[in-house]
C-alpha atoms as a PDB file:
ATOM      1  CA  MET A   1     -64.674  -8.354  35.771  1.00  0.00           C
ATOM      2  CA  HIS A   2     -62.553 -10.470  33.411  1.00  0.00           C
ATOM      3  CA  ARG A   3     -58.803 -10.485  33.549  1.00  0.00           C
ATOM      4  CA  PHE A   4     -56.759  -8.861  30.833  1.00  0.00           C
ATOM      5  CA  THR A   5     -55.291 -11.224  28.279  1.00  0.00           C
ATOM      6  CA  ARG A   6     -53.179  -9.051  25.926  1.00  0.00           C
ATOM      7  CA  VAL A   7     -51.627  -5.588  26.401  1.00  0.00           C
ATOM      8  CA  GLY A   8     -51.129  -2.937  23.766  1.00  0.00           C
ATOM      9  CA  PHE A   9     -48.726   0.014  24.066  1.00  0.00           C
ATOM     10  CA  ILE A  10     -48.727   3.069  21.739  1.00  0.00           C
ATOM     11  CA  GLY A  11     -45.846   5.552  21.956  1.00  0.00           C
ATOM     12  CA  LEU A  12     -42.363   4.229  22.693  1.00  0.00           C
ATOM     13  CA  GLY A  13     -40.462   7.437  23.374  1.00  0.00           C
ATOM     14  CA  VAL A  14     -38.284   8.580  26.267  1.00  0.00           C
ATOM     15  CA  MET A  15     -40.726   7.299  28.898  1.00  0.00           C
ATOM     16  CA  GLY A  16     -42.846   4.903  26.825  1.00  0.00           C
ATOM     17  CA  GLU A  17     -40.056   2.539  25.882  1.00  0.00           C
ATOM     18  CA  PRO A  18     -38.880   1.742  29.402  1.00  0.00           C
ATOM     19  CA  ILE A  19     -42.508   1.576  30.709  1.00  0.00           C
ATOM     20  CA  CYS A  20     -43.362  -0.866  27.938  1.00  0.00           C
ATOM     21  CA  ARG A  21     -40.257  -2.913  28.643  1.00  0.00           C
ATOM     22  CA  ASN A  22     -41.139  -3.195  32.342  1.00  0.00           C
ATOM     23  CA  LEU A  23     -44.707  -4.273  31.396  1.00  0.00           C
ATOM     24  CA  ALA A  24     -43.408  -6.924  29.021  1.00  0.00           C
ATOM     25  CA  GLN A  25     -40.914  -8.286  31.473  1.00  0.00           C
ATOM     26  CA  LYS A  26     -43.220  -8.388  34.533  1.00  0.00           C
ATOM     27  CA  CYS A  27     -46.915  -8.543  33.621  1.00  0.00           C
ATOM     28  CA  GLY A  28     -46.976 -12.147  32.325  1.00  0.00           C
ATOM     29  CA  LEU A  29     -49.097 -11.230  29.302  1.00  0.00           C
ATOM     30  CA  PRO A  30     -48.298 -10.798  25.599  1.00  0.00           C
ATOM     31  CA  VAL A  31     -47.465  -7.110  24.800  1.00  0.00           C
ATOM     32  CA  LEU A  32     -47.944  -5.506  21.391  1.00  0.00           C
ATOM     33  CA  GLY A  33     -46.043  -2.248  20.742  1.00  0.00           C
ATOM     34  CA  CYS A  34     -46.710   0.532  18.270  1.00  0.00           C
ATOM     35  CA  ASP A  35     -44.558   3.538  17.297  1.00  0.00           C
ATOM     36  CA  THR A  36     -43.695   5.470  14.108  1.00  0.00           C
ATOM     37  CA  ASN A  37     -40.023   4.931  14.953  1.00  0.00           C
ATOM     38  CA  PRO A  38     -38.808   1.384  14.393  1.00  0.00           C
ATOM     39  CA  GLU A  39     -35.759   1.718  16.699  1.00  0.00           C
ATOM     40  CA  PRO A  40     -37.435   1.278  20.059  1.00  0.00           C
ATOM     41  CA  LEU A  41     -39.478  -1.600  18.627  1.00  0.00           C
ATOM     42  CA  ALA A  42     -36.203  -3.284  17.649  1.00  0.00           C
ATOM     43  CA  ARG A  43     -34.844  -2.782  21.165  1.00  0.00           C
ATOM     44  CA  LEU A  44     -37.995  -4.150  22.771  1.00  0.00           C
ATOM     45  CA  ALA A  45     -38.300  -7.196  20.517  1.00  0.00           C
ATOM     46  CA  PRO A  46     -35.846  -9.263  22.649  1.00  0.00           C
ATOM     47  CA  HIS A  47     -38.128  -8.607  25.675  1.00  0.00           C
ATOM     48  CA  GLY A  48     -41.077 -10.165  23.836  1.00  0.00           C
ATOM     49  CA  VAL A  49     -42.772  -6.986  22.576  1.00  0.00           C
ATOM     50  CA  GLN A  50     -44.358  -7.700  19.158  1.00  0.00           C
ATOM     51  CA  ALA A  51     -44.597  -4.743  16.685  1.00  0.00           C
ATOM     52  CA  ALA A  52     -48.094  -3.991  15.477  1.00  0.00           C
ATOM     53  CA  ASP A  53     -50.190  -1.138  14.097  1.00  0.00           C
ATOM     54  CA  VAL A  54     -52.982   0.710  15.867  1.00  0.00           C
ATOM     55  CA  ALA A  55     -55.707  -1.269  14.100  1.00  0.00           C
ATOM     56  CA  THR A  56     -54.181  -4.561  15.252  1.00  0.00           C
ATOM     57  CA  LEU A  57     -53.844  -3.299  18.827  1.00  0.00           C
ATOM     58  CA  ALA A  58     -57.494  -2.160  18.796  1.00  0.00           C
ATOM     59  CA  ARG A  59     -58.584  -5.532  17.479  1.00  0.00           C
ATOM     60  CA  GLU A  60     -56.441  -7.822  19.663  1.00  0.00           C
ATOM     61  CA  CYS A  61     -55.709  -6.020  22.951  1.00  0.00           C
ATOM     62  CA  ASP A  62     -58.243  -5.643  25.766  1.00  0.00           C
ATOM     63  CA  ILE A  63     -56.088  -2.979  27.495  1.00  0.00           C
ATOM     64  CA  ILE A  64     -54.047  -0.320  25.631  1.00  0.00           C
ATOM     65  CA  PHE A  65     -51.565   2.070  27.240  1.00  0.00           C
ATOM     66  CA  LEU A  66     -50.754   5.410  25.570  1.00  0.00           C
ATOM     67  CA  SER A  67     -47.464   7.359  26.124  1.00  0.00           C
ATOM     68  CA  LEU A  68     -47.610  10.302  23.764  1.00  0.00           C
ATOM     69  CA  PRO A  69     -46.013  13.749  23.680  1.00  0.00           C
ATOM     70  CA  SER A  70     -49.144  15.816  24.265  1.00  0.00           C
ATOM     71  CA  GLY A  71     -52.915  15.790  24.734  1.00  0.00           C
ATOM     72  CA  GLU A  72     -53.219  17.031  21.157  1.00  0.00           C
ATOM     73  CA  VAL A  73     -51.440  13.898  19.917  1.00  0.00           C
ATOM     74  CA  VAL A  74     -53.678  11.711  22.105  1.00  0.00           C
ATOM     75  CA  GLU A  75     -56.707  13.399  20.630  1.00  0.00           C
ATOM     76  CA  LYS A  76     -55.481  12.849  17.089  1.00  0.00           C
ATOM     77  CA  LEU A  77     -54.826   9.144  17.836  1.00  0.00           C
ATOM     78  CA  ALA A  78     -58.385   8.838  19.253  1.00  0.00           C
ATOM     79  CA  ARG A  79     -60.105  10.631  16.429  1.00  0.00           C
ATOM     80  CA  GLY A  80     -57.889   9.563  13.519  1.00  0.00           C
ATOM     81  CA  THR A  81     -56.219  11.790  10.925  1.00  0.00           C
ATOM     82  CA  ASP A  82     -55.935  11.927   7.157  1.00  0.00           C
ATOM     83  CA  GLY A  83     -59.043   9.804   6.645  1.00  0.00           C
ATOM     84  CA  THR A  84     -57.757   6.971   8.858  1.00  0.00           C
ATOM     85  CA  ASN A  85     -59.833   5.612  11.693  1.00  0.00           C
ATOM     86  CA  GLY A  86     -58.634   6.409  15.232  1.00  0.00           C
ATOM     87  CA  LEU A  87     -58.981   4.446  18.441  1.00  0.00           C
ATOM     88  CA  LEU A  88     -62.522   5.763  19.013  1.00  0.00           C
ATOM     89  CA  ALA A  89     -63.773   4.193  15.831  1.00  0.00           C
ATOM     90  CA  ALA A  90     -61.774   0.973  16.331  1.00  0.00           C
ATOM     91  CA  CYS A  91     -62.317   0.341  20.047  1.00  0.00           C
ATOM     92  CA  ARG A  92     -64.435  -2.544  21.367  1.00  0.00           C
ATOM     93  CA  PRO A  93     -66.917  -2.754  24.282  1.00  0.00           C
ATOM     94  CA  GLY A  94     -65.076  -3.494  27.505  1.00  0.00           C
ATOM     95  CA  GLN A  95     -61.702  -2.330  26.201  1.00  0.00           C
ATOM     96  CA  VAL A  96     -59.659  -0.173  28.606  1.00  0.00           C
ATOM     97  CA  ILE A  97     -57.409   2.655  27.351  1.00  0.00           C
ATOM     98  CA  VAL A  98     -54.890   4.036  29.880  1.00  0.00           C
ATOM     99  CA  ASP A  99     -53.367   7.439  28.998  1.00  0.00           C
ATOM    100  CA  THR A 100     -49.995   7.774  30.703  1.00  0.00           C
ATOM    101  CA  SER A 101     -49.305  11.021  28.812  1.00  0.00           C
ATOM    102  CA  THR A 102     -49.762  14.444  30.345  1.00  0.00           C
ATOM    103  CA  SER A 103     -52.894  15.812  28.741  1.00  0.00           C
ATOM    104  CA  PRO A 104     -55.312  18.690  29.398  1.00  0.00           C
ATOM    105  CA  VAL A 105     -58.026  17.859  31.948  1.00  0.00           C
ATOM    106  CA  ASP A 106     -60.923  18.928  29.698  1.00  0.00           C
ATOM    107  CA  THR A 107     -59.559  16.871  26.789  1.00  0.00           C
ATOM    108  CA  THR A 108     -59.227  13.825  29.020  1.00  0.00           C
ATOM    109  CA  ARG A 109     -62.770  14.068  30.364  1.00  0.00           C
ATOM    110  CA  LYS A 110     -64.208  14.668  26.861  1.00  0.00           C
ATOM    111  CA  LEU A 111     -62.444  11.663  25.397  1.00  0.00           C
ATOM    112  CA  SER A 112     -63.494   9.486  28.370  1.00  0.00           C
ATOM    113  CA  ALA A 113     -67.149  10.378  27.720  1.00  0.00           C
ATOM    114  CA  GLU A 114     -66.794   9.597  24.001  1.00  0.00           C
ATOM    115  CA  PHE A 115     -65.153   6.201  24.694  1.00  0.00           C
ATOM    116  CA  ALA A 116     -67.936   5.493  27.202  1.00  0.00           C
ATOM    117  CA  GLU A 117     -70.528   5.970  24.445  1.00  0.00           C
ATOM    118  CA  ARG A 118     -68.811   3.066  22.696  1.00  0.00           C
ATOM    119  CA  GLN A 119     -68.790   1.055  25.956  1.00  0.00           C
ATOM    120  CA  ALA A 120     -64.990   1.372  26.258  1.00  0.00           C
ATOM    121  CA  VAL A 121     -63.184   2.866  29.261  1.00  0.00           C
ATOM    122  CA  PHE A 122     -60.661   5.713  28.958  1.00  0.00           C
ATOM    123  CA  ILE A 123     -58.720   6.646  32.103  1.00  0.00           C
ATOM    124  CA  ASP A 124     -55.776   8.913  32.906  1.00  0.00           C
ATOM    125  CA  ALA A 125     -52.641   7.668  34.619  1.00  0.00           C
ATOM    126  CA  PRO A 126     -49.917  10.261  33.998  1.00  0.00           C
ATOM    127  CA  VAL A 127     -46.420   9.466  35.301  1.00  0.00           C
ATOM    128  CA  ALA A 128     -44.006  11.581  37.353  1.00  0.00           C
ATOM    129  CA  ARG A 129     -40.263  11.262  38.004  1.00  0.00           C
ATOM    130  CA  THR A 130     -37.411  10.727  35.590  1.00  0.00           C
ATOM    131  CA  ARG A 131     -36.365   8.505  32.671  1.00  0.00           C
ATOM    132  CA  ALA A 132     -34.090   6.718  35.184  1.00  0.00           C
ATOM    133  CA  ALA A 133     -37.166   5.977  37.335  1.00  0.00           C
ATOM    134  CA  ALA A 134     -38.979   4.680  34.296  1.00  0.00           C
ATOM    135  CA  GLU A 135     -36.024   2.318  33.598  1.00  0.00           C
ATOM    136  CA  ALA A 136     -36.002   1.164  37.226  1.00  0.00           C
ATOM    137  CA  GLY A 137     -39.815   0.773  37.345  1.00  0.00           C
ATOM    138  CA  THR A 138     -40.054   3.293  40.163  1.00  0.00           C
ATOM    139  CA  LEU A 139     -42.353   5.965  38.656  1.00  0.00           C
ATOM    140  CA  SER A 140     -45.079   7.728  40.525  1.00  0.00           C
ATOM    141  CA  VAL A 141     -48.448   7.384  38.807  1.00  0.00           C
ATOM    142  CA  MET A 142     -51.499   9.574  39.447  1.00  0.00           C
ATOM    143  CA  VAL A 143     -54.716   7.857  38.329  1.00  0.00           C
ATOM    144  CA  GLY A 144     -58.139   9.288  37.433  1.00  0.00           C
ATOM    145  CA  ALA A 145     -60.636   6.435  37.290  1.00  0.00           C
ATOM    146  CA  GLU A 146     -63.519   4.673  38.953  1.00  0.00           C
ATOM    147  CA  PRO A 147     -62.275   2.571  41.933  1.00  0.00           C
ATOM    148  CA  ALA A 148     -63.267  -0.731  40.279  1.00  0.00           C
ATOM    149  CA  VAL A 149     -61.367   0.122  37.102  1.00  0.00           C
ATOM    150  CA  PHE A 150     -58.411   1.323  39.141  1.00  0.00           C
ATOM    151  CA  GLU A 151     -58.214  -2.050  40.983  1.00  0.00           C
ATOM    152  CA  ARG A 152     -58.208  -3.921  37.651  1.00  0.00           C
ATOM    153  CA  VAL A 153     -55.413  -1.791  36.154  1.00  0.00           C
ATOM    154  CA  ARG A 154     -53.282  -1.329  39.238  1.00  0.00           C
ATOM    155  CA  PRO A 155     -51.287  -4.627  38.951  1.00  0.00           C
ATOM    156  CA  LEU A 156     -50.207  -3.664  35.399  1.00  0.00           C
ATOM    157  CA  ILE A 157     -49.198  -0.130  36.513  1.00  0.00           C
ATOM    158  CA  ALA A 158     -47.259  -1.711  39.375  1.00  0.00           C
ATOM    159  CA  THR A 159     -44.853  -3.255  36.814  1.00  0.00           C
ATOM    160  CA  TYR A 160     -43.412   0.256  36.183  1.00  0.00           C
ATOM    161  CA  ALA A 161     -44.370   2.265  39.268  1.00  0.00           C
ATOM    162  CA  ASN A 162     -43.765   1.977  43.019  1.00  0.00           C
ATOM    163  CA  GLU A 163     -46.150   4.847  43.941  1.00  0.00           C
ATOM    164  CA  ILE A 164     -49.691   4.635  42.573  1.00  0.00           C
ATOM    165  CA  THR A 165     -52.327   7.057  43.730  1.00  0.00           C
ATOM    166  CA  LEU A 166     -56.031   7.073  42.891  1.00  0.00           C
ATOM    167  CA  CYS A 167     -56.712  10.804  42.754  1.00  0.00           C
ATOM    168  CA  GLY A 168     -60.445  10.662  41.984  1.00  0.00           C
ATOM    169  CA  GLY A 169     -62.606  10.308  38.882  1.00  0.00           C
ATOM    170  CA  VAL A 170     -61.380  10.612  35.297  1.00  0.00           C
ATOM    171  CA  GLY A 171     -59.233  13.716  34.824  1.00  0.00           C
ATOM    172  CA  SER A 172     -58.143  13.874  38.484  1.00  0.00           C
ATOM    173  CA  GLY A 173     -54.819  12.232  37.690  1.00  0.00           C
ATOM    174  CA  GLN A 174     -54.101  14.924  35.125  1.00  0.00           C
ATOM    175  CA  VAL A 175     -55.061  17.683  37.609  1.00  0.00           C
ATOM    176  CA  VAL A 176     -52.570  16.365  40.161  1.00  0.00           C
ATOM    177  CA  LYS A 177     -49.812  15.717  37.542  1.00  0.00           C
ATOM    178  CA  ILE A 178     -50.171  19.103  35.860  1.00  0.00           C
ATOM    179  CA  LEU A 179     -50.099  20.955  39.196  1.00  0.00           C
ATOM    180  CA  ASN A 180     -47.152  18.834  40.418  1.00  0.00           C
ATOM    181  CA  ASN A 181     -45.210  20.076  37.410  1.00  0.00           C
ATOM    182  CA  MET A 182     -46.380  23.638  37.896  1.00  0.00           C
ATOM    183  CA  VAL A 183     -45.068  23.634  41.490  1.00  0.00           C
ATOM    184  CA  LEU A 184     -41.824  22.051  40.391  1.00  0.00           C
ATOM    185  CA  PHE A 185     -41.294  24.659  37.628  1.00  0.00           C
ATOM    186  CA  GLU A 186     -42.038  27.501  40.122  1.00  0.00           C
ATOM    187  CA  THR A 187     -39.626  26.023  42.700  1.00  0.00           C
ATOM    188  CA  VAL A 188     -36.790  25.713  40.168  1.00  0.00           C
ATOM    189  CA  THR A 189     -37.452  29.293  39.088  1.00  0.00           C
ATOM    190  CA  ALA A 190     -37.124  30.419  42.704  1.00  0.00           C
ATOM    191  CA  LEU A 191     -33.875  28.424  43.062  1.00  0.00           C
ATOM    192  CA  SER A 192     -32.614  30.003  39.818  1.00  0.00           C
ATOM    193  CA  GLU A 193     -33.319  33.497  41.089  1.00  0.00           C
ATOM    194  CA  ALA A 194     -31.600  32.714  44.407  1.00  0.00           C
ATOM    195  CA  ARG A 195     -28.544  31.192  42.677  1.00  0.00           C
ATOM    196  CA  GLY A 196     -28.215  34.260  40.382  1.00  0.00           C
ATOM    197  CA  ILE A 197     -28.630  36.796  43.215  1.00  0.00           C
ATOM    198  CA  ALA A 198     -26.144  34.918  45.398  1.00  0.00           C
ATOM    199  CA  ARG A 199     -23.565  34.703  42.603  1.00  0.00           C
ATOM    200  CA  ARG A 200     -23.823  38.398  41.837  1.00  0.00           C
ATOM    201  CA  ALA A 201     -23.582  39.175  45.568  1.00  0.00           C
ATOM    202  CA  GLY A 202     -20.270  37.270  45.785  1.00  0.00           C
ATOM    203  CA  VAL A 203     -21.450  33.927  47.176  1.00  0.00           C
ATOM    204  CA  ASP A 204     -20.497  30.688  45.371  1.00  0.00           C
ATOM    205  CA  PRO A 205     -23.672  29.052  43.860  1.00  0.00           C
ATOM    206  CA  LYS A 206     -22.421  25.721  45.204  1.00  0.00           C
ATOM    207  CA  VAL A 207     -22.383  27.115  48.740  1.00  0.00           C
ATOM    208  CA  ILE A 208     -25.880  28.549  48.585  1.00  0.00           C
ATOM    209  CA  LEU A 209     -27.527  25.510  46.971  1.00  0.00           C
ATOM    210  CA  GLU A 210     -25.783  22.976  49.192  1.00  0.00           C
ATOM    211  CA  THR A 211     -26.558  24.985  52.258  1.00  0.00           C
ATOM    212  CA  PHE A 212     -30.212  25.111  51.236  1.00  0.00           C
ATOM    213  CA  THR A 213     -30.332  21.354  51.663  1.00  0.00           C
ATOM    214  CA  LEU A 214     -29.688  21.839  55.400  1.00  0.00           C
ATOM    215  CA  GLY A 215     -32.513  24.295  55.924  1.00  0.00           C
ATOM    216  CA  SER A 216     -36.173  24.948  55.202  1.00  0.00           C
ATOM    217  CA  ALA A 217     -35.519  25.650  51.474  1.00  0.00           C
ATOM    218  CA  ASP A 218     -34.633  21.961  50.981  1.00  0.00           C
ATOM    219  CA  SER A 219     -36.725  20.150  48.350  1.00  0.00           C
ATOM    220  CA  PHE A 220     -36.736  17.418  45.692  1.00  0.00           C
ATOM    221  CA  ALA A 221     -36.355  20.179  43.092  1.00  0.00           C
ATOM    222  CA  LEU A 222     -33.204  21.441  44.823  1.00  0.00           C
ATOM    223  CA  ARG A 223     -31.592  18.034  45.198  1.00  0.00           C
ATOM    224  CA  ASN A 224     -32.389  16.855  41.677  1.00  0.00           C
ATOM    225  CA  HIS A 225     -32.686  19.875  39.454  1.00  0.00           C
ATOM    226  CA  GLY A 226     -30.576  22.315  41.493  1.00  0.00           C
ATOM    227  CA  LEU A 227     -27.632  20.152  42.443  1.00  0.00           C
ATOM    228  CA  LYS A 228     -27.613  17.795  39.409  1.00  0.00           C
ATOM    229  CA  ALA A 229     -28.438  20.260  36.556  1.00  0.00           C
ATOM    230  CA  MET A 230     -28.200  23.916  37.573  1.00  0.00           C
ATOM    231  CA  LEU A 231     -25.000  23.660  39.574  1.00  0.00           C
ATOM    232  CA  PRO A 232     -22.868  21.718  37.042  1.00  0.00           C
ATOM    233  CA  GLY A 233     -24.592  23.458  34.129  1.00  0.00           C
ATOM    234  CA  GLU A 234     -25.793  20.157  32.650  1.00  0.00           C
ATOM    235  CA  PHE A 235     -28.813  20.743  30.388  1.00  0.00           C
ATOM    236  CA  PRO A 236     -28.652  17.896  27.792  1.00  0.00           C
ATOM    237  CA  GLU A 237     -30.918  17.400  24.839  1.00  0.00           C
ATOM    238  CA  LYS A 238     -33.100  14.264  24.932  1.00  0.00           C
ATOM    239  CA  ALA A 239     -34.101  14.955  28.474  1.00  0.00           C
ATOM    240  CA  PHE A 240     -37.364  16.736  29.429  1.00  0.00           C
ATOM    241  CA  PRO A 241     -36.897  19.873  27.306  1.00  0.00           C
ATOM    242  CA  VAL A 242     -38.152  23.460  27.651  1.00  0.00           C
ATOM    243  CA  SER A 243     -40.650  22.909  24.816  1.00  0.00           C
ATOM    244  CA  TYR A 244     -42.308  19.940  26.701  1.00  0.00           C
ATOM    245  CA  ALA A 245     -42.181  21.755  30.041  1.00  0.00           C
ATOM    246  CA  ARG A 246     -43.910  24.806  28.536  1.00  0.00           C
ATOM    247  CA  LYS A 247     -46.630  22.536  27.110  1.00  0.00           C
ATOM    248  CA  ASP A 248     -47.311  21.112  30.593  1.00  0.00           C
ATOM    249  CA  LEU A 249     -47.244  24.630  32.125  1.00  0.00           C
ATOM    250  CA  ASN A 250     -49.749  25.837  29.517  1.00  0.00           C
ATOM    251  CA  TYR A 251     -52.053  23.003  30.572  1.00  0.00           C
ATOM    252  CA  ALA A 252     -51.787  24.262  34.170  1.00  0.00           C
ATOM    253  CA  LEU A 253     -52.493  27.846  33.075  1.00  0.00           C
ATOM    254  CA  ARG A 254     -55.497  26.631  31.097  1.00  0.00           C
ATOM    255  CA  LEU A 255     -56.767  24.843  34.201  1.00  0.00           C
ATOM    256  CA  ALA A 256     -56.068  27.881  36.354  1.00  0.00           C
ATOM    257  CA  GLU A 257     -58.124  30.034  33.948  1.00  0.00           C
ATOM    258  CA  GLN A 258     -61.030  27.535  33.979  1.00  0.00           C
ATOM    259  CA  THR A 259     -61.019  27.523  37.806  1.00  0.00           C
ATOM    260  CA  GLY A 260     -60.617  31.283  38.234  1.00  0.00           C
ATOM    261  CA  ILE A 261     -57.171  31.322  39.914  1.00  0.00           C
ATOM    262  CA  PRO A 262     -54.818  34.013  38.515  1.00  0.00           C
ATOM    263  CA  ALA A 263     -51.659  31.791  39.010  1.00  0.00           C
ATOM    264  CA  HIS A 264     -49.146  34.696  38.881  1.00  0.00           C
ATOM    265  CA  GLY A 265     -46.275  32.369  39.846  1.00  0.00           C
ATOM    266  CA  ALA A 266     -46.942  30.070  36.905  1.00  0.00           C
ATOM    267  CA  ARG A 267     -47.253  33.014  34.526  1.00  0.00           C
ATOM    268  CA  ASN A 268     -43.833  34.209  35.706  1.00  0.00           C
ATOM    269  CA  VAL A 269     -42.317  30.821  34.861  1.00  0.00           C
ATOM    270  CA  ASP A 270     -43.961  30.968  31.404  1.00  0.00           C
ATOM    271  CA  GLN A 271     -42.068  34.174  30.685  1.00  0.00           C
ATOM    272  CA  TRP A 272     -38.755  32.420  31.433  1.00  0.00           C
ATOM    273  CA  PHE A 273     -39.733  29.449  29.222  1.00  0.00           C
ATOM    274  CA  GLU A 274     -40.622  31.889  26.442  1.00  0.00           C
ATOM    275  CA  ALA A 275     -37.222  33.649  26.912  1.00  0.00           C
ATOM    276  CA  ALA A 276     -35.397  30.252  26.728  1.00  0.00           C
ATOM    277  CA  LEU A 277     -37.254  29.369  23.499  1.00  0.00           C
ATOM    278  CA  ALA A 278     -36.335  32.742  22.069  1.00  0.00           C
ATOM    279  CA  ARG A 279     -32.665  31.899  22.787  1.00  0.00           C
ATOM    280  CA  GLY A 280     -32.934  28.643  20.837  1.00  0.00           C
ATOM    281  CA  LEU A 281     -32.876  26.505  24.005  1.00  0.00           C
ATOM    282  CA  GLY A 282     -36.164  24.751  23.401  1.00  0.00           C
ATOM    283  CA  ASP A 283     -34.557  21.283  23.058  1.00  0.00           C
ATOM    284  CA  ARG A 284     -32.378  21.598  26.181  1.00  0.00           C
ATOM    285  CA  TYR A 285     -33.267  20.149  29.603  1.00  0.00           C
ATOM    286  CA  TRP A 286     -35.715  22.712  31.015  1.00  0.00           C
ATOM    287  CA  PRO A 287     -33.750  23.854  34.157  1.00  0.00           C
ATOM    288  CA  VAL A 288     -31.593  25.698  31.576  1.00  0.00           C
ATOM    289  CA  ILE A 289     -33.859  28.594  32.465  1.00  0.00           C
ATOM    290  CA  SER A 290     -31.481  29.171  35.401  1.00  0.00           C
ATOM    291  CA  ARG A 291     -28.900  30.288  32.848  1.00  0.00           C
ATOM    292  CA  VAL A 292     -31.420  32.620  31.203  1.00  0.00           C
ATOM    293  CA  ILE A 293     -32.356  34.150  34.546  1.00  0.00           C
ATOM    294  CA  ASP A 294     -28.708  34.692  35.502  1.00  0.00           C
ATOM    295  CA  ASP A 295     -26.996  35.314  32.170  1.00  0.00           C
ATOM    296  CA  GLU A 296     -23.412  35.009  33.347  1.00  0.00           C
ATOM    297  CA  ASP A 297     -21.583  35.568  30.047  1.00  0.00           C
ATOM    298  CA  GLY A 298     -24.206  37.136  27.801  1.00  0.00           C
ATOM    299  CA  ALA A 299     -25.150  33.869  26.116  1.00  0.00           C
ATOM    300  CA  ALA A 300     -26.789  30.963  27.919  1.00  0.00           C
ATOM    301  CA  PRO A 301     -25.275  27.637  26.908  1.00  0.00           C
END
């Protein structure tokens, strides 16, 4: 198996920009970046990232990373839109495409099969953790790939992640990532219900959430989303918003339906996401559902 010589990166948003920067700083290879927004490209230029279009990446890069908002956008990029060729038409034999986005499992497997027909390799490597972890290069990455491909790609992923798990064949990374998010959403919903019930029963939310950290209700969700977002009421825009969270949850519900699991807990969360969107909170950091669940003043912030 030959070594990679040039890296391409498509999608320089909230997660993509810091991932691309870490790659450029640490991988020792030339990196070409592509995004519709010129601002992240300008910020990445001092780190050696060269701006290019999709056609140039497809022609010059033997490995291309994708960091896009949804599986639907990944599919559009692969197939092309408005009469333009997509990655499928432009890819070359031996090229490796690594999708770091969160995409539906069936879409991922279908695209992988279509790239394979053109002798290219498409694998999934969705990322977990926060923007701060992306900046620090300490993301958790769940990979769906053949072991030989995984071993080739792992050193590049290691430039932006400190936990890298091979979950199985193509699509397995998406299964684990989507269900990770589903469990997180359900846990934060449970914390939101507990916070609201406690507050209305005369117990300070700070007391209940901080005391939870000392007992069996302790969790990553509690320490990060509960104490850092729900308790201070900090639900900024330009963080992982309700609209994105609901997209991921819908992927989980789609997978649940395909596998015959009713997933009542996930459907309950979806109702709260829908309520938050109806309140105009779709762009706010998604734990804002805690304010919708316990509406303290008649209007969630």
